Structures are given as structure tokens and as C-alpha cells.
């Protein structure tokens, strides 16, 4: 079976090259610099299922909800994606630092768990529904010294963007655009259009 560290020689070269670019051009956008972004489009497709389109990678996937809240349970839940995304990010950052520091390991497995109060998604005066705490149990198979692996863990916990986002509150802004369905139907059927109707008045 392949070892996680089999890719470390190449990963070390890639990581060190990125570090040189990032130190030289700290304000540049990726891939030349460190300034990156994540953008997704989420479209509701019915029965509490959502289609996600990732703008950067081009991948698409489904999000679903459990049956007990009215969903179909045909894909992972939004919060499963949220938590697994953060832990997957942590696993990658763990590998970045391990490769950079020359700390080899064969396998990596992390089990993450969190708890929260779900009342907020349907009861306005409910307590906050944020994750209360995230616990991560990490098992690594390795002959490397424990203190070196502990240092990799420390650096990964501090530097992981996914975990940092969970750990530090981030501003969330929303803009709602309402498209009236009646206006759309009238437009399709050839009904009068506000811009067309105003043209003669503007000409006068």
C-alpha cells in the first residue's frame, strides 16, 4: 500500500518553491502569490437538496439534509461538508509541514466531532447554533520522533485556513435579489416592458 510520505520529496520542492514566491510577492494573487479565494454557487434543486458548483476547481457535488428534518439523505449534509472540509484542509497542511521538515509518516487518519444546538435553523429566539467545540483525534503511523510529529501538529493547527476559519469569527454579508415571477411571465408573453413604454415619453 502506498505511504502518505511517498509524495513528500516532490511535495517538499513544490512547497519550498511556493514559499519563495509568497515571500517575494506577498500581495500577488495565486498561484504566483498567496492571495487566494474560494467561490461556490449553490442552487436549490428541491427536497432540501442543493447543487454546488465550485468556481475555481470546476467540480460539482450535491448537499442533502437528513430525513428527520424533511430531506432525502441522498448526500452529505452541509455541516458534514463544512467539518470535513476543514479537517481535509488540516490533513493537507499537516503534510505540507511534514514534507518541509522531513518528517515521514505512512498513514494519517483524523476523526473530528462537534456538537451544536439545531433550534436556530427554525426558531428565531433560539440559542446560537454555531459549533460549540471541535475535537480532532489524529492517528499517524510513523517511526519519526514523537516531538517532531508534535511540532508538525502544532504548525498545522495554527496554519490551516480551514481550522482558522472555524476558530476565528468571520464577517458574513448577504445581498438578496428578488426576481418577481409574475413580471417574468408577462415579459415572456409579450406584455408591455417598462423600458419600451417609457421610450416615447423620453423622446418627447
Foldseek 3Di string as FASTA:
>chain_A
DFFPCPCLVVLLVVLVVQVVQQVVCVPDEPPSYDNYDWDWDWDDDDQQKIWIATPPPRDIDIAWDDVVVRHDPPDHHPVVCLVVVQVVLLVVLLSSVCSNVVFGFGDKDKDKDWDFDPCVVPDVPDDDGATPDMDIDMDTHGPGDPVVSVVSNVCSCVPRPSNVPSVDDDDDDDDDDDDDPVVVVCVVVPHDDVVVVCVVVVVD
